[in-house]
Amino acid sequence: MNPVIMDSAGMHRTVIRLSHEIEERNEGLHGVVLVGVKRGGEILANRICAYFKKAEGASVPCAGIDIGLTRDDLVSAFFVPDAEKNDLGFDVTGKTVVLCDDVLHTGRSAVAAMEAIFKLGRPAKIQLLVLVDRGGRELPVRADFVGKNVPTSRAEYVRVKLKELGADEDGLTITREGK
């Protein structure tokens, strides 16, 4: 059995805490937009957006971004990922973009997402929010908002289970390579 590092209730509390941290660090929500890395990060961004709407009555622009064409470790002369055109439905220029992702590991996804955002405009700043930081950085990337720090080895993986992606319930587990 894989160790559970966060259950559904813990994930819910973490989303609420992260929402409060965004609002506190930015002294409100004026000029804040949420951009989630497809798929898990987009779901996280949508949950935070829904919390702001319910608790604060605030409508924060929120969208998902596809990083397939900006990943340095996926694009090659032989393989081009199927990436859709990014159209967030709002302008990021001059905004505080809270970039949401489910797991931060090497930093490559975060850098790819920032490159994709810069192709859409010039934000005032980008803040990185992650549900889990598992360490193992290969690039100088640090999250501004972290749900949980879970140091892992290269042979371990953090599995994010989300209802929106077909899981019975939300949760985070650690699995070992080959299991």
N, C-alpha and C. Protein backbone atom coordinates (compact mmCIF):
# COMPACT_ATOMS: atom_id res chain seq x y z
N MET A 1 0.84 -1.18 0.00
CA MET A 1 0.00 0.00 0.00
C MET A 1 0.89 1.25 0.00
N ASN A 2 0.51 2.22 -0.81
CA ASN A 2 1.28 3.46 -0.93
C ASN A 2 0.92 4.42 0.21
N PRO A 3 1.94 5.07 0.79
CA PRO A 3 1.67 6.00 1.89
C PRO A 3 0.82 7.18 1.42
N VAL A 4 -0.22 7.51 2.16
CA VAL A 4 -1.08 8.66 1.88
C VAL A 4 -0.47 9.86 2.58
N ILE A 5 -0.15 10.88 1.82
CA ILE A 5 0.44 12.08 2.42
C ILE A 5 -0.57 13.20 2.59
N MET A 6 -1.71 13.10 1.90
CA MET A 6 -2.78 14.06 2.10
C MET A 6 -4.09 13.42 1.63
N ASP A 7 -5.10 13.43 2.51
CA ASP A 7 -6.39 12.88 2.13
C ASP A 7 -7.28 14.00 1.60
N SER A 8 -8.51 13.67 1.30
CA SER A 8 -9.44 14.63 0.70
C SER A 8 -9.67 15.84 1.62
N ALA A 9 -9.88 15.59 2.90
CA ALA A 9 -10.11 16.70 3.84
C ALA A 9 -8.86 17.58 3.95
N GLY A 10 -7.70 16.95 3.99
CA GLY A 10 -6.45 17.71 4.05
C GLY A 10 -6.23 18.55 2.81
N MET A 11 -6.60 18.01 1.65
CA MET A 11 -6.46 18.76 0.41
C MET A 11 -7.39 19.97 0.41
N HIS A 12 -8.61 19.77 0.90
CA HIS A 12 -9.58 20.87 0.98
C HIS A 12 -9.05 21.99 1.90
N ARG A 13 -8.54 21.62 3.06
CA ARG A 13 -7.99 22.62 3.99
C ARG A 13 -6.80 23.34 3.37
N THR A 14 -5.98 22.61 2.64
CA THR A 14 -4.80 23.18 2.01
C THR A 14 -5.19 24.21 0.95
N VAL A 15 -6.20 23.91 0.15
CA VAL A 15 -6.68 24.85 -0.87
C VAL A 15 -7.17 26.14 -0.20
N ILE A 16 -7.89 26.01 0.90
CA ILE A 16 -8.38 27.19 1.61
C ILE A 16 -7.20 28.00 2.17
N ARG A 17 -6.23 27.32 2.76
CA ARG A 17 -5.06 28.02 3.30
C ARG A 17 -4.29 28.75 2.20
N LEU A 18 -4.07 28.06 1.09
CA LEU A 18 -3.35 28.69 -0.02
C LEU A 18 -4.12 29.90 -0.56
N SER A 19 -5.43 29.81 -0.60
CA SER A 19 -6.25 30.93 -1.04
C SER A 19 -6.04 32.14 -0.15
N HIS A 20 -6.03 31.92 1.16
CA HIS A 20 -5.79 33.01 2.10
C HIS A 20 -4.40 33.59 1.94
N GLU A 21 -3.42 32.74 1.71
CA GLU A 21 -2.04 33.22 1.53
C GLU A 21 -1.92 34.10 0.29
N ILE A 22 -2.60 33.75 -0.79
CA ILE A 22 -2.59 34.57 -2.01
C ILE A 22 -3.14 35.96 -1.69
N GLU A 23 -4.28 35.97 -1.04
CA GLU A 23 -4.93 37.25 -0.72
C GLU A 23 -4.08 38.10 0.22
N GLU A 24 -3.47 37.47 1.22
CA GLU A 24 -2.63 38.21 2.16
C GLU A 24 -1.37 38.75 1.51
N ARG A 25 -0.67 37.92 0.75
CA ARG A 25 0.59 38.35 0.13
C ARG A 25 0.36 39.48 -0.87
N ASN A 26 -0.80 39.49 -1.53
CA ASN A 26 -1.08 40.49 -2.55
C ASN A 26 -1.96 41.62 -2.04
N GLU A 27 -2.18 41.64 -0.72
CA GLU A 27 -3.00 42.68 -0.08
C GLU A 27 -4.33 42.85 -0.80
N GLY A 28 -4.99 41.72 -1.02
CA GLY A 28 -6.27 41.70 -1.72
C GLY A 28 -6.14 40.94 -3.02
N LEU A 29 -7.17 41.03 -3.83
CA LEU A 29 -7.19 40.27 -5.07
C LEU A 29 -7.20 41.15 -6.32
N HIS A 30 -7.09 42.46 -6.13
CA HIS A 30 -7.09 43.37 -7.27
C HIS A 30 -5.86 43.10 -8.16
N GLY A 31 -6.11 42.85 -9.43
CA GLY A 31 -5.02 42.62 -10.38
C GLY A 31 -4.46 41.21 -10.35
N VAL A 32 -5.06 40.32 -9.55
CA VAL A 32 -4.59 38.94 -9.46
C VAL A 32 -5.36 38.07 -10.46
N VAL A 33 -4.64 37.23 -11.19
CA VAL A 33 -5.25 36.24 -12.07
C VAL A 33 -4.63 34.88 -11.74
N LEU A 34 -5.41 33.83 -11.93
CA LEU A 34 -4.94 32.47 -11.67
C LEU A 34 -4.76 31.74 -13.00
N VAL A 35 -3.58 31.13 -13.17
CA VAL A 35 -3.30 30.34 -14.37
C VAL A 35 -2.79 28.99 -13.90
N GLY A 36 -3.51 27.93 -14.26
CA GLY A 36 -3.14 26.59 -13.84
C GLY A 36 -2.51 25.79 -14.96
N VAL A 37 -1.42 25.09 -14.65
CA VAL A 37 -0.79 24.21 -15.63
C VAL A 37 -1.73 23.03 -15.84
N LYS A 38 -2.12 22.80 -17.11
CA LYS A 38 -3.05 21.71 -17.40
C LYS A 38 -2.46 20.39 -16.96
N ARG A 39 -3.07 19.60 -16.34
CA ARG A 39 -4.41 19.38 -15.90
C ARG A 39 -4.54 19.61 -14.41
N GLY A 40 -3.65 19.05 -13.62
CA GLY A 40 -3.79 19.17 -12.17
C GLY A 40 -3.72 20.60 -11.67
N GLY A 41 -2.83 21.39 -12.22
CA GLY A 41 -2.71 22.79 -11.81
C GLY A 41 -3.93 23.61 -12.17
N GLU A 42 -4.53 23.27 -13.30
CA GLU A 42 -5.75 23.96 -13.72
C GLU A 42 -6.89 23.66 -12.75
N ILE A 43 -6.99 22.42 -12.32
CA ILE A 43 -8.03 22.06 -11.34
C ILE A 43 -7.80 22.79 -10.03
N LEU A 44 -6.55 22.84 -9.58
CA LEU A 44 -6.21 23.57 -8.36
C LEU A 44 -6.58 25.04 -8.49
N ALA A 45 -6.25 25.67 -9.62
CA ALA A 45 -6.59 27.07 -9.86
C ALA A 45 -8.11 27.27 -9.83
N ASN A 46 -8.85 26.35 -10.45
CA ASN A 46 -10.31 26.46 -10.45
C ASN A 46 -10.89 26.34 -9.05
N ARG A 47 -10.31 25.47 -8.23
CA ARG A 47 -10.79 25.32 -6.85
C ARG A 47 -10.53 26.59 -6.04
N ILE A 48 -9.37 27.18 -6.24
CA ILE A 48 -9.05 28.44 -5.53
C ILE A 48 -9.98 29.55 -6.00
N CYS A 49 -10.21 29.61 -7.29
CA CYS A 49 -11.11 30.61 -7.86
C CYS A 49 -12.52 30.45 -7.27
N ALA A 50 -12.99 29.22 -7.19
CA ALA A 50 -14.31 28.94 -6.62
C ALA A 50 -14.37 29.35 -5.15
N TYR A 51 -13.28 29.13 -4.42
CA TYR A 51 -13.25 29.54 -3.02
C TYR A 51 -13.35 31.07 -2.90
N PHE A 52 -12.60 31.79 -3.74
CA PHE A 52 -12.67 33.26 -3.71
C PHE A 52 -14.09 33.73 -4.00
N LYS A 53 -14.76 33.09 -4.95
CA LYS A 53 -16.12 33.47 -5.31
C LYS A 53 -17.07 33.23 -4.14
N LYS A 54 -16.93 32.06 -3.50
CA LYS A 54 -17.84 31.68 -2.41
C LYS A 54 -17.56 32.49 -1.14
N ALA A 55 -16.31 32.57 -0.73
CA ALA A 55 -15.96 33.19 0.55
C ALA A 55 -15.85 34.71 0.48
N GLU A 56 -15.35 35.23 -0.64
CA GLU A 56 -15.08 36.66 -0.74
C GLU A 56 -16.04 37.37 -1.69
N GLY A 57 -16.77 36.60 -2.49
CA GLY A 57 -17.62 37.21 -3.51
C GLY A 57 -16.79 37.83 -4.63
N ALA A 58 -15.53 37.44 -4.71
CA ALA A 58 -14.60 38.01 -5.69
C ALA A 58 -14.53 37.13 -6.93
N SER A 59 -14.58 37.77 -8.07
CA SER A 59 -14.43 37.06 -9.33
C SER A 59 -13.01 37.27 -9.83
N VAL A 60 -12.20 36.24 -9.70
CA VAL A 60 -10.80 36.30 -10.11
C VAL A 60 -10.67 35.57 -11.45
N PRO A 61 -10.11 36.22 -12.48
CA PRO A 61 -9.92 35.52 -13.75
C PRO A 61 -9.07 34.26 -13.56
N CYS A 62 -9.49 33.19 -14.23
CA CYS A 62 -8.85 31.89 -14.03
C CYS A 62 -8.89 31.11 -15.33
N ALA A 63 -7.77 30.47 -15.67
CA ALA A 63 -7.70 29.66 -16.88
C ALA A 63 -6.58 28.64 -16.75
N GLY A 64 -6.57 27.69 -17.69
CA GLY A 64 -5.52 26.70 -17.76
C GLY A 64 -4.58 27.01 -18.91
N ILE A 65 -3.32 26.57 -18.76
CA ILE A 65 -2.33 26.81 -19.81
C ILE A 65 -1.66 25.49 -20.17
N ASP A 66 -1.49 25.28 -21.47
CA ASP A 66 -0.84 24.08 -21.98
C ASP A 66 0.63 24.39 -22.19
N ILE A 67 1.50 23.61 -21.57
CA ILE A 67 2.95 23.89 -21.65
C ILE A 67 3.68 22.92 -22.57
N GLY A 68 2.94 22.10 -23.30
CA GLY A 68 3.54 21.06 -24.13
C GLY A 68 4.60 21.55 -25.10
N LEU A 69 4.37 22.69 -25.72
CA LEU A 69 5.32 23.17 -26.72
C LEU A 69 6.47 23.97 -26.13
N THR A 70 6.44 24.22 -24.83
CA THR A 70 7.54 24.97 -24.21
C THR A 70 8.38 24.11 -23.28
N ARG A 71 8.05 22.83 -23.14
CA ARG A 71 8.85 21.93 -22.32
C ARG A 71 10.15 21.61 -23.02
N ASP A 72 11.29 21.90 -22.39
CA ASP A 72 12.59 21.63 -23.01
C ASP A 72 12.92 20.14 -23.04
N ASP A 73 12.26 19.36 -22.20
CA ASP A 73 12.57 17.93 -22.16
C ASP A 73 11.57 17.08 -22.95
N LEU A 74 10.60 17.71 -23.60
CA LEU A 74 9.62 16.94 -24.36
C LEU A 74 9.70 17.20 -25.86
N VAL A 75 10.07 18.40 -26.26
CA VAL A 75 10.09 18.75 -27.66
C VAL A 75 11.41 18.34 -28.28
N SER A 76 11.35 17.62 -29.39
CA SER A 76 12.56 17.24 -30.12
C SER A 76 12.23 17.24 -31.60
N ALA A 77 13.21 16.97 -32.42
CA ALA A 77 12.99 16.92 -33.86
C ALA A 77 12.08 15.75 -34.22
N PHE A 78 11.97 14.75 -33.36
CA PHE A 78 11.21 13.55 -33.67
C PHE A 78 9.84 13.53 -32.99
N PHE A 79 9.67 14.34 -31.96
CA PHE A 79 8.42 14.29 -31.20
C PHE A 79 7.97 15.70 -30.87
N VAL A 80 6.79 16.06 -31.34
CA VAL A 80 6.20 17.34 -31.00
C VAL A 80 4.88 17.04 -30.31
N PRO A 81 4.76 17.43 -29.03
CA PRO A 81 3.52 17.13 -28.31
C PRO A 81 2.32 17.83 -28.93
N ASP A 82 1.16 17.25 -28.75
CA ASP A 82 -0.08 17.83 -29.22
C ASP A 82 -0.52 18.89 -28.22
N ALA A 83 -0.18 20.12 -28.53
CA ALA A 83 -0.52 21.22 -27.62
C ALA A 83 -1.51 22.15 -28.29
N GLU A 84 -2.48 22.58 -27.52
CA GLU A 84 -3.46 23.50 -28.07
C GLU A 84 -2.94 24.93 -27.93
N LYS A 85 -3.53 25.81 -28.70
CA LYS A 85 -3.16 27.22 -28.61
C LYS A 85 -3.66 27.76 -27.27
N ASN A 86 -2.81 28.49 -26.59
CA ASN A 86 -3.20 29.05 -25.30
C ASN A 86 -3.96 30.35 -25.49
N ASP A 87 -5.19 30.35 -25.06
CA ASP A 87 -6.02 31.55 -25.03
C ASP A 87 -6.71 31.56 -23.68
N LEU A 88 -6.21 32.39 -22.79
CA LEU A 88 -6.72 32.39 -21.42
C LEU A 88 -8.09 33.04 -21.30
N GLY A 89 -8.43 33.91 -22.25
CA GLY A 89 -9.69 34.63 -22.14
C GLY A 89 -9.55 35.94 -21.38
N PHE A 90 -8.34 36.27 -20.97
CA PHE A 90 -8.05 37.53 -20.30
C PHE A 90 -6.59 37.87 -20.55
N ASP A 91 -6.25 39.14 -20.37
CA ASP A 91 -4.89 39.62 -20.61
C ASP A 91 -4.07 39.50 -19.32
N VAL A 92 -2.84 39.04 -19.44
CA VAL A 92 -1.97 38.93 -18.28
C VAL A 92 -1.08 40.16 -18.10
N THR A 93 -1.06 41.04 -19.09
CA THR A 93 -0.19 42.21 -19.04
C THR A 93 -0.52 43.08 -17.83
N GLY A 94 0.51 43.36 -17.04
CA GLY A 94 0.36 44.21 -15.86
C GLY A 94 -0.30 43.54 -14.67
N LYS A 95 -0.63 42.28 -14.78
CA LYS A 95 -1.32 41.55 -13.70
C LYS A 95 -0.33 40.77 -12.84
N THR A 96 -0.80 40.38 -11.67
CA THR A 96 -0.08 39.42 -10.84
C THR A 96 -0.62 38.05 -11.19
N VAL A 97 0.19 37.26 -11.86
CA VAL A 97 -0.22 35.92 -12.27
C VAL A 97 0.19 34.93 -11.19
N VAL A 98 -0.79 34.25 -10.61
CA VAL A 98 -0.50 33.15 -9.70
C VAL A 98 -0.54 31.88 -10.54
N LEU A 99 0.64 31.34 -10.80
CA LEU A 99 0.80 30.15 -11.61
C LEU A 99 0.64 28.94 -10.70
N CYS A 100 -0.36 28.12 -10.96
CA CYS A 100 -0.69 26.98 -10.10
C CYS A 100 -0.28 25.67 -10.76
N ASP A 101 0.35 24.79 -9.98
CA ASP A 101 0.69 23.45 -10.44
C ASP A 101 0.49 22.49 -9.28
N ASP A 102 0.30 21.22 -9.60
CA ASP A 102 0.05 20.26 -8.54
C ASP A 102 1.34 19.83 -7.85
N VAL A 103 2.39 19.49 -8.62
CA VAL A 103 3.64 19.01 -8.02
C VAL A 103 4.82 19.77 -8.60
N LEU A 104 5.70 20.25 -7.73
CA LEU A 104 6.95 20.88 -8.16
C LEU A 104 8.07 19.90 -7.88
N HIS A 105 8.83 19.57 -8.93
CA HIS A 105 9.95 18.65 -8.76
C HIS A 105 11.21 19.28 -9.33
N THR A 106 11.47 19.09 -10.62
CA THR A 106 12.72 19.58 -11.21
C THR A 106 12.69 21.08 -11.47
N GLY A 107 11.51 21.64 -11.67
CA GLY A 107 11.35 23.05 -12.00
C GLY A 107 11.11 23.27 -13.49
N ARG A 108 11.24 22.22 -14.29
CA ARG A 108 11.10 22.37 -15.74
C ARG A 108 9.68 22.75 -16.16
N SER A 109 8.68 22.20 -15.52
CA SER A 109 7.30 22.56 -15.85
C SER A 109 7.02 24.01 -15.51
N ALA A 110 7.52 24.47 -14.38
CA ALA A 110 7.31 25.86 -13.98
C ALA A 110 7.95 26.82 -14.97
N VAL A 111 9.17 26.52 -15.39
CA VAL A 111 9.86 27.38 -16.37
C VAL A 111 9.10 27.36 -17.70
N ALA A 112 8.64 26.19 -18.14
CA ALA A 112 7.88 26.09 -19.38
C ALA A 112 6.59 26.90 -19.29
N ALA A 113 5.92 26.84 -18.15
CA ALA A 113 4.68 27.59 -17.97
C ALA A 113 4.95 29.09 -18.00
N MET A 114 6.04 29.53 -17.38
CA MET A 114 6.38 30.96 -17.43
C MET A 114 6.66 31.40 -18.86
N GLU A 115 7.37 30.58 -19.62
CA GLU A 115 7.62 30.90 -21.03
C GLU A 115 6.31 31.02 -21.80
N ALA A 116 5.38 30.11 -21.56
CA ALA A 116 4.08 30.16 -22.23
C ALA A 116 3.31 31.42 -21.84
N ILE A 117 3.40 31.82 -20.57
CA ILE A 117 2.71 33.03 -20.12
C ILE A 117 3.32 34.26 -20.79
N PHE A 118 4.65 34.32 -20.89
CA PHE A 118 5.30 35.46 -21.52
C PHE A 118 4.94 35.59 -22.99
N LYS A 119 4.55 34.51 -23.63
CA LYS A 119 4.10 34.58 -25.03
C LYS A 119 2.74 35.25 -25.13
N LEU A 120 2.02 35.34 -24.01
CA LEU A 120 0.67 35.93 -23.99
C LEU A 120 0.66 37.38 -23.52
N GLY A 121 1.74 37.85 -22.93
CA GLY A 121 1.79 39.23 -22.42
C GLY A 121 2.90 39.38 -21.41
N ARG A 122 2.96 40.55 -20.80
CA ARG A 122 4.01 40.84 -19.83
C ARG A 122 3.38 41.13 -18.47
N PRO A 123 3.31 40.10 -17.62
CA PRO A 123 2.72 40.32 -16.30
C PRO A 123 3.60 41.20 -15.42
N ALA A 124 2.99 41.86 -14.43
CA ALA A 124 3.76 42.64 -13.46
C ALA A 124 4.64 41.71 -12.66
N LYS A 125 4.09 40.55 -12.28
CA LYS A 125 4.86 39.52 -11.59
C LYS A 125 4.16 38.18 -11.72
N ILE A 126 4.96 37.14 -11.51
CA ILE A 126 4.43 35.78 -11.49
C ILE A 126 4.79 35.17 -10.15
N GLN A 127 3.78 34.61 -9.49
CA GLN A 127 3.98 33.90 -8.24
C GLN A 127 3.64 32.44 -8.49
N LEU A 128 4.47 31.54 -7.98
CA LEU A 128 4.26 30.11 -8.19
C LEU A 128 3.59 29.49 -6.96
N LEU A 129 2.49 28.78 -7.20
CA LEU A 129 1.77 28.07 -6.16
C LEU A 129 1.76 26.59 -6.53
N VAL A 130 2.16 25.74 -5.57
CA VAL A 130 2.14 24.29 -5.80
C VAL A 130 1.46 23.59 -4.64
N LEU A 131 0.78 22.52 -4.96
CA LEU A 131 0.15 21.71 -3.92
C LEU A 131 1.22 20.95 -3.15
N VAL A 132 2.22 20.40 -3.88
CA VAL A 132 3.29 19.62 -3.26
C VAL A 132 4.63 20.02 -3.85
N ASP A 133 5.60 20.28 -2.98
CA ASP A 133 6.98 20.48 -3.41
C ASP A 133 7.75 19.24 -2.97
N ARG A 134 8.21 18.45 -3.95
CA ARG A 134 8.88 17.20 -3.62
C ARG A 134 10.40 17.31 -3.66
N GLY A 135 10.93 18.52 -3.89
CA GLY A 135 12.38 18.69 -3.95
C GLY A 135 12.94 18.17 -5.26
N GLY A 136 14.26 18.04 -5.34
CA GLY A 136 14.90 17.49 -6.53
C GLY A 136 15.07 18.47 -7.66
N ARG A 137 15.20 19.74 -7.33
CA ARG A 137 15.28 20.79 -8.34
C ARG A 137 16.49 20.65 -9.25
N GLU A 138 16.27 20.87 -10.54
CA GLU A 138 17.33 20.93 -11.54
C GLU A 138 17.52 22.35 -12.04
N LEU A 139 16.54 23.19 -11.78
CA LEU A 139 16.58 24.60 -12.18
C LEU A 139 16.31 25.46 -10.95
N PRO A 140 16.78 26.71 -10.96
CA PRO A 140 16.60 27.56 -9.77
C PRO A 140 15.17 28.11 -9.68
N VAL A 141 14.25 27.26 -9.26
CA VAL A 141 12.84 27.60 -9.14
C VAL A 141 12.42 27.36 -7.70
N ARG A 142 11.69 28.33 -7.14
CA ARG A 142 11.16 28.20 -5.79
C ARG A 142 9.71 28.65 -5.78
N ALA A 143 8.86 27.90 -5.14
CA ALA A 143 7.44 28.25 -5.07
C ALA A 143 7.21 29.33 -4.01
N ASP A 144 6.30 30.24 -4.32
CA ASP A 144 5.91 31.29 -3.37
C ASP A 144 4.88 30.76 -2.37
N PHE A 145 4.05 29.83 -2.83
CA PHE A 145 3.01 29.23 -2.00
C PHE A 145 3.13 27.71 -2.12
N VAL A 146 3.26 27.03 -0.98
CA VAL A 146 3.42 25.57 -0.99
C VAL A 146 2.38 24.94 -0.07
N GLY A 147 1.64 23.99 -0.61
CA GLY A 147 0.67 23.27 0.21
C GLY A 147 1.36 22.34 1.19
N LYS A 148 2.32 21.55 0.70
CA LYS A 148 3.02 20.60 1.55
C LYS A 148 4.38 20.29 0.95
N ASN A 149 5.41 20.29 1.77
CA ASN A 149 6.75 19.87 1.36
C ASN A 149 6.88 18.38 1.65
N VAL A 150 7.23 17.60 0.61
CA VAL A 150 7.36 16.16 0.75
C VAL A 150 8.64 15.74 0.04
N PRO A 151 9.78 15.76 0.74
CA PRO A 151 11.03 15.35 0.10
C PRO A 151 10.93 13.89 -0.36
N THR A 152 11.32 13.66 -1.61
CA THR A 152 11.25 12.32 -2.17
C THR A 152 12.56 11.98 -2.88
N SER A 153 12.78 10.70 -3.06
CA SER A 153 13.95 10.26 -3.83
C SER A 153 13.57 10.24 -5.31
N ARG A 154 14.57 10.05 -6.17
CA ARG A 154 14.30 9.96 -7.61
C ARG A 154 13.44 8.75 -7.96
N ALA A 155 13.46 7.73 -7.12
CA ALA A 155 12.68 6.52 -7.38
C ALA A 155 11.24 6.63 -6.88
N GLU A 156 10.91 7.72 -6.22
CA GLU A 156 9.56 7.91 -5.71
C GLU A 156 8.82 8.96 -6.54
N TYR A 157 7.52 8.81 -6.58
CA TYR A 157 6.66 9.74 -7.32
C TYR A 157 5.49 10.13 -6.44
N VAL A 158 5.08 11.38 -6.55
CA VAL A 158 3.89 11.84 -5.86
C VAL A 158 2.73 11.70 -6.84
N ARG A 159 1.74 10.93 -6.44
CA ARG A 159 0.55 10.73 -7.26
C ARG A 159 -0.57 11.62 -6.72
N VAL A 160 -1.10 12.46 -7.59
CA VAL A 160 -2.19 13.36 -7.21
C VAL A 160 -3.48 12.76 -7.76
N LYS A 161 -4.41 12.49 -6.85
CA LYS A 161 -5.72 11.96 -7.25
C LYS A 161 -6.74 13.08 -7.10
N LEU A 162 -7.45 13.36 -8.19
CA LEU A 162 -8.45 14.42 -8.18
C LEU A 162 -9.77 13.90 -8.73
N LYS A 163 -10.86 14.25 -8.07
CA LYS A 163 -12.18 13.79 -8.52
C LYS A 163 -12.46 14.24 -9.94
N GLU A 164 -12.02 15.45 -10.28
CA GLU A 164 -12.26 15.97 -11.62
C GLU A 164 -11.58 15.13 -12.71
N LEU A 165 -10.59 14.35 -12.32
CA LEU A 165 -9.89 13.49 -13.27
C LEU A 165 -10.28 12.02 -13.11
N GLY A 166 -11.41 11.77 -12.43
CA GLY A 166 -11.94 10.41 -12.34
C GLY A 166 -11.61 9.64 -11.08
N ALA A 167 -10.88 10.22 -10.15
CA ALA A 167 -10.57 9.52 -8.90
C ALA A 167 -11.82 9.42 -8.03
N ASP A 168 -11.89 8.37 -7.21
CA ASP A 168 -13.02 8.23 -6.29
C ASP A 168 -13.04 9.36 -5.27
N GLU A 169 -11.84 9.73 -4.81
CA GLU A 169 -11.72 10.85 -3.89
C GLU A 169 -10.36 11.50 -4.08
N ASP A 170 -10.26 12.76 -3.64
CA ASP A 170 -8.98 13.47 -3.74
C ASP A 170 -7.96 12.86 -2.78
N GLY A 171 -6.70 12.95 -3.15
CA GLY A 171 -5.65 12.48 -2.26
C GLY A 171 -4.30 12.55 -2.92
N LEU A 172 -3.28 12.47 -2.08
CA LEU A 172 -1.89 12.45 -2.54
C LEU A 172 -1.22 11.22 -1.93
N THR A 173 -0.55 10.45 -2.77
CA THR A 173 0.20 9.30 -2.28
C THR A 173 1.60 9.31 -2.88
N ILE A 174 2.49 8.56 -2.24
CA ILE A 174 3.83 8.37 -2.77
C ILE A 174 3.93 6.94 -3.29
N THR A 175 4.39 6.81 -4.52
CA THR A 175 4.61 5.48 -5.09
C THR A 175 6.09 5.33 -5.43
N ARG A 176 6.54 4.11 -5.47
CA ARG A 176 7.93 3.82 -5.85
C ARG A 176 7.98 3.43 -7.31
N GLU A 177 9.08 3.70 -7.95
CA GLU A 177 9.27 3.37 -9.36
C GLU A 177 8.97 1.89 -9.59
N GLY A 178 8.19 1.64 -10.64
CA GLY A 178 7.87 0.25 -11.00
C GLY A 178 6.72 -0.34 -10.22
N LYS A 179 6.07 0.44 -9.39
CA LYS A 179 4.94 -0.10 -8.60
C LYS A 179 3.65 0.59 -8.95
